[in-house]
Amino acid sequence: MTLDELKAERERVLARRNSLVSRVSIGERSVQYDLAQADKVLADLERRIASQERRGPRRRILVSASKGL
């Protein structure tokens, strides 16, 4: 994925995570959901974005030799 695609995916996951409800109560019962999976996905996206932003332009070094050096 390109850097722009990763950033767009991060924004989609972040918006989705923020819209999730972590606790639901109905009457006397309540359920709490774990949002750890969304946090793991966000952490992975952040790591991948950081690695691509740190990467500089790729350089190619050509080494040649001839007999008789």
PDB file of N, CA and C in Angstrom:
ATOM      1  N   MET A   1       0.844  -1.184   0.000  1.00  0.00           N
ATOM      2  CA  MET A   1       0.000   0.000   0.000  1.00  0.00           C
ATOM      3  C   MET A   1       0.887   1.245   0.000  1.00  0.00           C
ATOM      4  N   THR A   2       0.386   2.277  -0.636  1.00  0.00           N
ATOM      5  CA  THR A   2       1.128   3.530  -0.657  1.00  0.00           C
ATOM      6  C   THR A   2       0.899   4.272   0.658  1.00  0.00           C
ATOM      7  N   LEU A   3       1.690   5.297   0.866  1.00  0.00           N
ATOM      8  CA  LEU A   3       1.588   6.083   2.095  1.00  0.00           C
ATOM      9  C   LEU A   3       0.211   6.738   2.215  1.00  0.00           C
ATOM     10  N   ASP A   4      -0.310   7.265   1.113  1.00  0.00           N
ATOM     11  CA  ASP A   4      -1.629   7.898   1.140  1.00  0.00           C
ATOM     12  C   ASP A   4      -2.732   6.888   1.454  1.00  0.00           C
ATOM     13  N   GLU A   5      -2.609   5.680   0.899  1.00  0.00           N
ATOM     14  CA  GLU A   5      -3.595   4.633   1.179  1.00  0.00           C
ATOM     15  C   GLU A   5      -3.553   4.217   2.644  1.00  0.00           C
ATOM     16  N   LEU A   6      -2.350   4.123   3.206  1.00  0.00           N
ATOM     17  CA  LEU A   6      -2.222   3.769   4.625  1.00  0.00           C
ATOM     18  C   LEU A   6      -2.835   4.838   5.515  1.00  0.00           C
ATOM     19  N   LYS A   7      -2.603   6.103   5.182  1.00  0.00           N
ATOM     20  CA  LYS A   7      -3.180   7.193   5.981  1.00  0.00           C
ATOM     21  C   LYS A   7      -4.707   7.206   5.881  1.00  0.00           C
ATOM     22  N   ALA A   8      -5.240   6.944   4.695  1.00  0.00           N
ATOM     23  CA  ALA A   8      -6.687   6.885   4.520  1.00  0.00           C
ATOM     24  C   ALA A   8      -7.284   5.722   5.305  1.00  0.00           C
ATOM     25  N   GLU A   9      -6.606   4.579   5.279  1.00  0.00           N
ATOM     26  CA  GLU A   9      -7.073   3.417   6.036  1.00  0.00           C
ATOM     27  C   GLU A   9      -7.043   3.700   7.533  1.00  0.00           C
ATOM     28  N   ARG A  10      -5.996   4.388   7.997  1.00  0.00           N
ATOM     29  CA  ARG A  10      -5.918   4.759   9.417  1.00  0.00           C
ATOM     30  C   ARG A  10      -7.092   5.644   9.806  1.00  0.00           C
ATOM     31  N   GLU A  11      -7.435   6.598   8.957  1.00  0.00           N
ATOM     32  CA  GLU A  11      -8.567   7.484   9.250  1.00  0.00           C
ATOM     33  C   GLU A  11      -9.881   6.705   9.294  1.00  0.00           C
ATOM     34  N   ARG A  12     -10.059   5.732   8.378  1.00  0.00           N
ATOM     35  CA  ARG A  12     -11.276   4.915   8.377  1.00  0.00           C
ATOM     36  C   ARG A  12     -11.372   4.063   9.639  1.00  0.00           C
ATOM     37  N   VAL A  13     -10.265   3.443  10.030  1.00  0.00           N
ATOM     38  CA  VAL A  13     -10.265   2.601  11.227  1.00  0.00           C
ATOM     39  C   VAL A  13     -10.493   3.448  12.474  1.00  0.00           C
ATOM     40  N   LEU A  14      -9.882   4.616  12.527  1.00  0.00           N
ATOM     41  CA  LEU A  14     -10.049   5.499  13.667  1.00  0.00           C
ATOM     42  C   LEU A  14     -11.495   5.981  13.787  1.00  0.00           C
ATOM     43  N   ALA A  15     -12.100   6.338  12.661  1.00  0.00           N
ATOM     44  CA  ALA A  15     -13.505   6.763  12.683  1.00  0.00           C
ATOM     45  C   ALA A  15     -14.412   5.620  13.115  1.00  0.00           C
ATOM     46  N   ARG A  16     -14.124   4.430  12.624  1.00  0.00           N
ATOM     47  CA  ARG A  16     -14.920   3.249  12.997  1.00  0.00           C
ATOM     48  C   ARG A  16     -14.771   2.941  14.479  1.00  0.00           C
ATOM     49  N   ARG A  17     -13.542   3.014  14.989  1.00  0.00           N
ATOM     50  CA  ARG A  17     -13.300   2.729  16.403  1.00  0.00           C
ATOM     51  C   ARG A  17     -14.004   3.750  17.291  1.00  0.00           C
ATOM     52  N   ASN A  18     -13.966   5.009  16.890  1.00  0.00           N
ATOM     53  CA  ASN A  18     -14.613   6.052  17.687  1.00  0.00           C
ATOM     54  C   ASN A  18     -16.127   5.917  17.692  1.00  0.00           C
ATOM     55  N   SER A  19     -16.689   5.292  16.666  1.00  0.00           N
ATOM     56  CA  SER A  19     -18.144   5.137  16.614  1.00  0.00           C
ATOM     57  C   SER A  19     -18.617   3.891  17.364  1.00  0.00           C
ATOM     58  N   LEU A  20     -17.685   3.007  17.756  1.00  0.00           N
ATOM     59  CA  LEU A  20     -18.058   1.793  18.469  1.00  0.00           C
ATOM     60  C   LEU A  20     -18.430   2.110  19.918  1.00  0.00           C
ATOM     61  N   VAL A  21     -19.328   1.325  20.433  1.00  0.00           N
ATOM     62  CA  VAL A  21     -19.749   1.469  21.813  1.00  0.00           C
ATOM     63  C   VAL A  21     -19.018   0.413  22.627  1.00  0.00           C
ATOM     64  N   SER A  22     -18.367   0.838  23.699  1.00  0.00           N
ATOM     65  CA  SER A  22     -17.602  -0.121  24.490  1.00  0.00           C
ATOM     66  C   SER A  22     -18.443  -0.744  25.608  1.00  0.00           C
ATOM     67  N   ARG A  23     -19.564  -0.116  25.955  1.00  0.00           N
ATOM     68  CA  ARG A  23     -20.406  -0.656  27.025  1.00  0.00           C
ATOM     69  C   ARG A  23     -21.879  -0.464  26.650  1.00  0.00           C
ATOM     70  N   VAL A  24     -22.650  -1.547  26.794  1.00  0.00           N
ATOM     71  CA  VAL A  24     -24.078  -1.514  26.491  1.00  0.00           C
ATOM     72  C   VAL A  24     -24.830  -1.974  27.728  1.00  0.00           C
ATOM     73  N   SER A  25     -25.855  -1.214  28.120  1.00  0.00           N
ATOM     74  CA  SER A  25     -26.672  -1.594  29.274  1.00  0.00           C
ATOM     75  C   SER A  25     -28.125  -1.682  28.848  1.00  0.00           C
ATOM     76  N   ILE A  26     -28.745  -2.799  29.205  1.00  0.00           N
ATOM     77  CA  ILE A  26     -30.169  -2.991  28.950  1.00  0.00           C
ATOM     78  C   ILE A  26     -30.773  -3.470  30.261  1.00  0.00           C
ATOM     79  N   GLY A  27     -31.580  -2.616  30.830  1.00  0.00           N
ATOM     80  CA  GLY A  27     -32.151  -2.972  32.127  1.00  0.00           C
ATOM     81  C   GLY A  27     -31.052  -3.105  33.166  1.00  0.00           C
ATOM     82  N   GLU A  28     -31.032  -4.248  33.848  1.00  0.00           N
ATOM     83  CA  GLU A  28     -30.017  -4.487  34.861  1.00  0.00           C
ATOM     84  C   GLU A  28     -28.764  -5.156  34.292  1.00  0.00           C
ATOM     85  N   ARG A  29     -28.797  -5.562  33.049  1.00  0.00           N
ATOM     86  CA  ARG A  29     -27.651  -6.231  32.420  1.00  0.00           C
ATOM     87  C   ARG A  29     -26.792  -5.229  31.668  1.00  0.00           C
ATOM     88  N   SER A  30     -25.503  -5.478  31.703  1.00  0.00           N
ATOM     89  CA  SER A  30     -24.602  -4.642  30.916  1.00  0.00           C
ATOM     90  C   SER A  30     -23.488  -5.522  30.361  1.00  0.00           C
ATOM     91  N   VAL A  31     -23.037  -5.156  29.182  1.00  0.00           N
ATOM     92  CA  VAL A  31     -21.973  -5.881  28.503  1.00  0.00           C
ATOM     93  C   VAL A  31     -20.906  -4.870  28.122  1.00  0.00           C
ATOM     94  N   GLN A  32     -19.658  -5.234  28.369  1.00  0.00           N
ATOM     95  CA  GLN A  32     -18.553  -4.369  27.980  1.00  0.00           C
ATOM     96  C   GLN A  32     -17.752  -5.068  26.894  1.00  0.00           C
ATOM     97  N   TYR A  33     -17.532  -4.361  25.790  1.00  0.00           N
ATOM     98  CA  TYR A  33     -16.802  -4.911  24.657  1.00  0.00           C
ATOM     99  C   TYR A  33     -15.352  -4.471  24.711  1.00  0.00           C
ATOM    100  N   ASP A  34     -14.488  -5.340  24.236  1.00  0.00           N
ATOM    101  CA  ASP A  34     -13.060  -5.056  24.200  1.00  0.00           C
ATOM    102  C   ASP A  34     -12.715  -4.464  22.836  1.00  0.00           C
ATOM    103  N   LEU A  35     -12.105  -3.296  22.839  1.00  0.00           N
ATOM    104  CA  LEU A  35     -11.732  -2.622  21.594  1.00  0.00           C
ATOM    105  C   LEU A  35     -10.253  -2.849  21.275  1.00  0.00           C
ATOM    106  N   ALA A  36      -9.670  -3.894  21.837  1.00  0.00           N
ATOM    107  CA  ALA A  36      -8.246  -4.158  21.662  1.00  0.00           C
ATOM    108  C   ALA A  36      -7.892  -4.472  20.209  1.00  0.00           C
ATOM    109  N   GLN A  37      -8.785  -5.146  19.495  1.00  0.00           N
ATOM    110  CA  GLN A  37      -8.480  -5.486  18.099  1.00  0.00           C
ATOM    111  C   GLN A  37      -8.336  -4.219  17.255  1.00  0.00           C
ATOM    112  N   ALA A  38      -9.234  -3.262  17.456  1.00  0.00           N
ATOM    113  CA  ALA A  38      -9.133  -2.003  16.714  1.00  0.00           C
ATOM    114  C   ALA A  38      -7.849  -1.264  17.100  1.00  0.00           C
ATOM    115  N   ASP A  39      -7.470  -1.337  18.377  1.00  0.00           N
ATOM    116  CA  ASP A  39      -6.231  -0.696  18.812  1.00  0.00           C
ATOM    117  C   ASP A  39      -5.012  -1.354  18.170  1.00  0.00           C
ATOM    118  N   LYS A  40      -5.040  -2.681  18.023  1.00  0.00           N
ATOM    119  CA  LYS A  40      -3.933  -3.395  17.389  1.00  0.00           C
ATOM    120  C   LYS A  40      -3.800  -3.006  15.922  1.00  0.00           C
ATOM    121  N   VAL A  41      -4.931  -2.878  15.238  1.00  0.00           N
ATOM    122  CA  VAL A  41      -4.912  -2.487  13.822  1.00  0.00           C
ATOM    123  C   VAL A  41      -4.361  -1.074  13.682  1.00  0.00           C
ATOM    124  N   LEU A  42      -4.789  -0.174  14.559  1.00  0.00           N
ATOM    125  CA  LEU A  42      -4.288   1.200  14.514  1.00  0.00           C
ATOM    126  C   LEU A  42      -2.784   1.243  14.787  1.00  0.00           C
ATOM    127  N   ALA A  43      -2.320   0.465  15.747  1.00  0.00           N
ATOM    128  CA  ALA A  43      -0.885   0.440  16.056  1.00  0.00           C
ATOM    129  C   ALA A  43      -0.083  -0.083  14.861  1.00  0.00           C
ATOM    130  N   ASP A  44      -0.605  -1.114  14.184  1.00  0.00           N
ATOM    131  CA  ASP A  44       0.082  -1.656  13.013  1.00  0.00           C
ATOM    132  C   ASP A  44       0.127  -0.636  11.887  1.00  0.00           C
ATOM    133  N   LEU A  45      -0.988   0.054  11.657  1.00  0.00           N
ATOM    134  CA  LEU A  45      -1.007   1.078  10.611  1.00  0.00           C
ATOM    135  C   LEU A  45      -0.038   2.209  10.934  1.00  0.00           C
ATOM    136  N   GLU A  46      -0.002   2.635  12.195  1.00  0.00           N
ATOM    137  CA  GLU A  46       0.927   3.689  12.601  1.00  0.00           C
ATOM    138  C   GLU A  46       2.373   3.256  12.366  1.00  0.00           C
ATOM    139  N   ARG A  47       2.681   2.001  12.686  1.00  0.00           N
ATOM    140  CA  ARG A  47       4.043   1.485  12.494  1.00  0.00           C
ATOM    141  C   ARG A  47       4.407   1.478  11.012  1.00  0.00           C
ATOM    142  N   ARG A  48       3.481   1.030  10.162  1.00  0.00           N
ATOM    143  CA  ARG A  48       3.746   0.967   8.726  1.00  0.00           C
ATOM    144  C   ARG A  48       3.886   2.359   8.117  1.00  0.00           C
ATOM    145  N   ILE A  49       3.077   3.305   8.579  1.00  0.00           N
ATOM    146  CA  ILE A  49       3.165   4.688   8.092  1.00  0.00           C
ATOM    147  C   ILE A  49       4.513   5.284   8.493  1.00  0.00           C
ATOM    148  N   ALA A  50       4.915   5.069   9.742  1.00  0.00           N
ATOM    149  CA  ALA A  50       6.188   5.612  10.221  1.00  0.00           C
ATOM    150  C   ALA A  50       7.363   5.031   9.448  1.00  0.00           C
ATOM    151  N   SER A  51       7.305   3.748   9.142  1.00  0.00           N
ATOM    152  CA  SER A  51       8.418   3.140   8.407  1.00  0.00           C
ATOM    153  C   SER A  51       8.505   3.681   6.982  1.00  0.00           C
ATOM    154  N   GLN A  52       7.363   3.968   6.371  1.00  0.00           N
ATOM    155  CA  GLN A  52       7.402   4.517   5.011  1.00  0.00           C
ATOM    156  C   GLN A  52       7.815   5.981   5.005  1.00  0.00           C
ATOM    157  N   GLU A  53       7.469   6.726   6.051  1.00  0.00           N
ATOM    158  CA  GLU A  53       7.865   8.134   6.098  1.00  0.00           C
ATOM    159  C   GLU A  53       9.356   8.284   6.362  1.00  0.00           C
ATOM    160  N   ARG A  54       9.957   7.347   7.090  1.00  0.00           N
ATOM    161  CA  ARG A  54      11.383   7.405   7.379  1.00  0.00           C
ATOM    162  C   ARG A  54      12.219   7.022   6.176  1.00  0.00           C
ATOM    163  N   ARG A  55      11.660   6.199   5.330  1.00  0.00           N
ATOM    164  CA  ARG A  55      12.420   5.679   4.187  1.00  0.00           C
ATOM    165  C   ARG A  55      12.716   6.805   3.208  1.00  0.00           C
ATOM    166  N   GLY A  56      13.972   6.945   2.864  1.00  0.00           N
ATOM    167  CA  GLY A  56      14.396   7.947   1.893  1.00  0.00           C
ATOM    168  C   GLY A  56      14.342   7.359   0.492  1.00  0.00           C
ATOM    169  N   PRO A  57      14.802   8.099  -0.454  1.00  0.00           N
ATOM    170  CA  PRO A  57      14.820   7.566  -1.820  1.00  0.00           C
ATOM    171  C   PRO A  57      15.790   6.402  -1.925  1.00  0.00           C
ATOM    172  N   ARG A  58      15.429   5.425  -2.696  1.00  0.00           N
ATOM    173  CA  ARG A  58      16.300   4.266  -2.889  1.00  0.00           C
ATOM    174  C   ARG A  58      17.410   4.640  -3.857  1.00  0.00           C
ATOM    175  N   ARG A  59      18.603   4.197  -3.516  1.00  0.00           N
ATOM    176  CA  ARG A  59      19.753   4.477  -4.368  1.00  0.00           C
ATOM    177  C   ARG A  59      20.331   3.170  -4.866  1.00  0.00           C
ATOM    178  N   ARG A  60      20.830   3.211  -6.051  1.00  0.00           N
ATOM    179  CA  ARG A  60      21.444   2.021  -6.642  1.00  0.00           C
ATOM    180  C   ARG A  60      22.929   2.333  -6.841  1.00  0.00           C
ATOM    181  N   ILE A  61      23.761   1.429  -6.393  1.00  0.00           N
ATOM    182  CA  ILE A  61      25.203   1.577  -6.538  1.00  0.00           C
ATOM    183  C   ILE A  61      25.673   0.495  -7.506  1.00  0.00           C
ATOM    184  N   LEU A  62      26.322   0.904  -8.537  1.00  0.00           N
ATOM    185  CA  LEU A  62      26.823  -0.021  -9.547  1.00  0.00           C
ATOM    186  C   LEU A  62      28.332  -0.152  -9.378  1.00  0.00           C
ATOM    187  N   VAL A  63      28.752  -1.362  -9.174  1.00  0.00           N
ATOM    188  CA  VAL A  63      30.175  -1.639  -9.011  1.00  0.00           C
ATOM    189  C   VAL A  63      30.616  -2.480 -10.196  1.00  0.00           C
ATOM    190  N   SER A  64      31.692  -2.068 -10.816  1.00  0.00           N
ATOM    191  CA  SER A  64      32.221  -2.861 -11.925  1.00  0.00           C
ATOM    192  C   SER A  64      33.732  -2.976 -11.770  1.00  0.00           C
ATOM    193  N   ALA A  65      34.241  -4.055 -12.260  1.00  0.00           N
ATOM    194  CA  ALA A  65      35.697  -4.280 -12.188  1.00  0.00           C
ATOM    195  C   ALA A  65      36.152  -4.909 -13.494  1.00  0.00           C
ATOM    196  N   SER A  66      37.377  -4.676 -13.796  1.00  0.00           N
ATOM    197  CA  SER A  66      37.941  -5.304 -14.997  1.00  0.00           C
ATOM    198  C   SER A  66      39.189  -6.087 -14.603  1.00  0.00           C
ATOM    199  N   LYS A  67      39.524  -7.022 -15.412  1.00  0.00           N
ATOM    200  CA  LYS A  67      40.703  -7.837 -15.148  1.00  0.00           C
ATOM    201  C   LYS A  67      41.942  -6.950 -15.339  1.00  0.00           C
ATOM    202  N   GLY A  68      42.804  -6.902 -14.479  1.00  0.00           N
ATOM    203  CA  GLY A  68      43.974  -6.058 -14.635  1.00  0.00           C
ATOM    204  C   GLY A  68      43.973  -4.873 -13.695  1.00  0.00           C
ATOM    205  N   LEU A  69      43.220  -4.952 -12.651  1.00  0.00           N
ATOM    206  CA  LEU A  69      43.225  -3.877 -11.674  1.00  0.00           C
ATOM    207  C   LEU A  69      44.543  -3.762 -11.103  1.00  0.00           C
TER     208      LEU A  69
END
